[in-house]
Amino acid sequence: MIHSPELVMSRTSTSLCCYYNATPQLHIVRVADDGLLLTERIVFPAERWLFAAKPEAHLYIHRQNSAGDTWVERVPCDRYQVKSRHSD
């Protein structure tokens, strides 16, 4: 079951995260927590995607190379957490 981003934002202890696709290819990106697919999206080249996730959730980045081979990279969502800037 895929949940809307609004539902993900309403969960406690979630963080705002940002994924940037710095490649010339489309990426299919999925956020999952404990095997539960929370959301997925196609991220275009040079696009940033803001999403909410628990720090222990994982981002699955599906990529395809020029030969047509597909691979999936699994990265903890806390690596994409947006850091706030505080002025002192």
Protein backbone atom coordinates (compact mmCIF):
# COMPACT_ATOMS: atom_id res chain seq x y z
CA MET A 1 0.00 0.00 0.00
CA ILE A 2 1.33 3.43 -0.91
CA HIS A 3 0.54 6.25 1.50
CA SER A 4 0.27 9.90 0.60
CA PRO A 5 3.09 12.28 1.62
CA GLU A 6 0.62 14.05 3.92
CA LEU A 7 0.16 10.83 5.89
CA VAL A 8 3.91 10.36 6.12
CA MET A 9 4.34 13.95 7.38
CA SER A 10 1.76 13.38 10.11
CA ARG A 11 3.71 10.52 11.69
CA THR A 12 5.71 11.31 14.77
CA SER A 13 9.49 11.61 14.67
CA THR A 14 9.73 12.18 10.93
CA SER A 15 12.33 14.42 9.34
CA LEU A 16 12.27 16.49 6.20
CA CYS A 17 14.60 14.97 3.62
CA CYS A 18 15.79 16.04 0.18
CA TYR A 19 16.94 13.80 -2.67
CA TYR A 20 18.69 15.38 -5.67
CA ASN A 21 19.09 13.52 -8.96
CA ALA A 22 22.43 14.74 -10.30
CA THR A 23 22.45 12.30 -13.23
CA PRO A 24 21.05 12.62 -16.77
CA GLN A 25 18.75 9.59 -16.18
CA LEU A 26 15.35 9.22 -14.54
CA HIS A 27 15.38 7.60 -11.10
CA ILE A 28 12.53 5.74 -9.49
CA VAL A 29 12.83 6.46 -5.79
CA ARG A 30 10.96 4.66 -3.02
CA VAL A 31 10.82 5.28 0.72
CA ALA A 32 10.22 2.19 2.85
CA ASP A 33 10.18 1.52 6.58
CA ASP A 34 10.19 -2.03 7.98
CA GLY A 35 9.30 -3.37 4.53
CA LEU A 36 6.28 -1.07 4.22
CA LEU A 37 6.38 1.08 1.09
CA LEU A 38 5.52 4.59 2.20
CA THR A 39 5.84 6.53 -1.05
CA GLU A 40 7.49 6.43 -4.44
CA ARG A 41 8.25 8.93 -7.15
CA ILE A 42 10.01 9.39 -10.46
CA VAL A 43 12.76 11.97 -10.00
CA PHE A 44 13.87 13.68 -13.20
CA PRO A 45 17.45 14.79 -13.92
CA ALA A 46 18.44 17.89 -11.92
CA GLU A 47 15.24 17.62 -9.85
CA ARG A 48 15.05 17.84 -6.06
CA TRP A 49 12.43 15.86 -4.19
CA LEU A 50 11.42 16.80 -0.65
CA PHE A 51 9.89 14.03 1.42
CA ALA A 52 9.27 13.15 5.06
CA ALA A 53 10.62 9.95 6.57
CA LYS A 54 11.67 8.43 9.84
CA PRO A 55 15.45 8.38 10.27
CA GLU A 56 15.44 4.57 10.27
CA ALA A 57 13.55 4.37 6.95
CA HIS A 58 15.43 3.65 3.73
CA LEU A 59 15.48 5.27 0.31
CA TYR A 60 15.62 2.82 -2.59
CA ILE A 61 17.03 4.44 -5.72
CA HIS A 62 16.37 2.49 -8.92
CA ARG A 63 18.78 3.45 -11.71
CA GLN A 64 19.45 2.20 -15.20
CA ASN A 65 22.74 2.52 -17.07
CA SER A 66 23.22 3.02 -20.81
CA ALA A 67 23.44 -0.76 -21.36
CA GLY A 68 19.97 -1.18 -19.84
CA ASP A 69 21.14 -2.80 -16.62
CA THR A 70 19.07 -1.79 -13.60
CA TRP A 71 20.36 -1.67 -10.06
CA VAL A 72 18.98 -0.51 -6.75
CA GLU A 73 20.86 1.48 -4.16
CA ARG A 74 19.54 1.30 -0.57
CA VAL A 75 20.46 4.31 1.57
CA PRO A 76 19.28 5.28 5.08
CA CYS A 77 16.97 8.31 4.88
CA ASP A 78 18.90 10.13 7.60
CA ARG A 79 21.63 10.76 4.99
CA TYR A 80 19.16 12.95 3.12
CA GLN A 81 17.87 14.84 6.15
CA VAL A 82 17.59 18.60 5.61
CA LYS A 83 19.74 20.44 8.12
CA SER A 84 18.27 23.66 9.47
CA ARG A 85 20.26 26.85 9.64
CA HIS A 86 19.97 28.90 12.79
CA SER A 87 21.23 32.46 12.94
CA ASP A 88 22.81 33.39 16.25
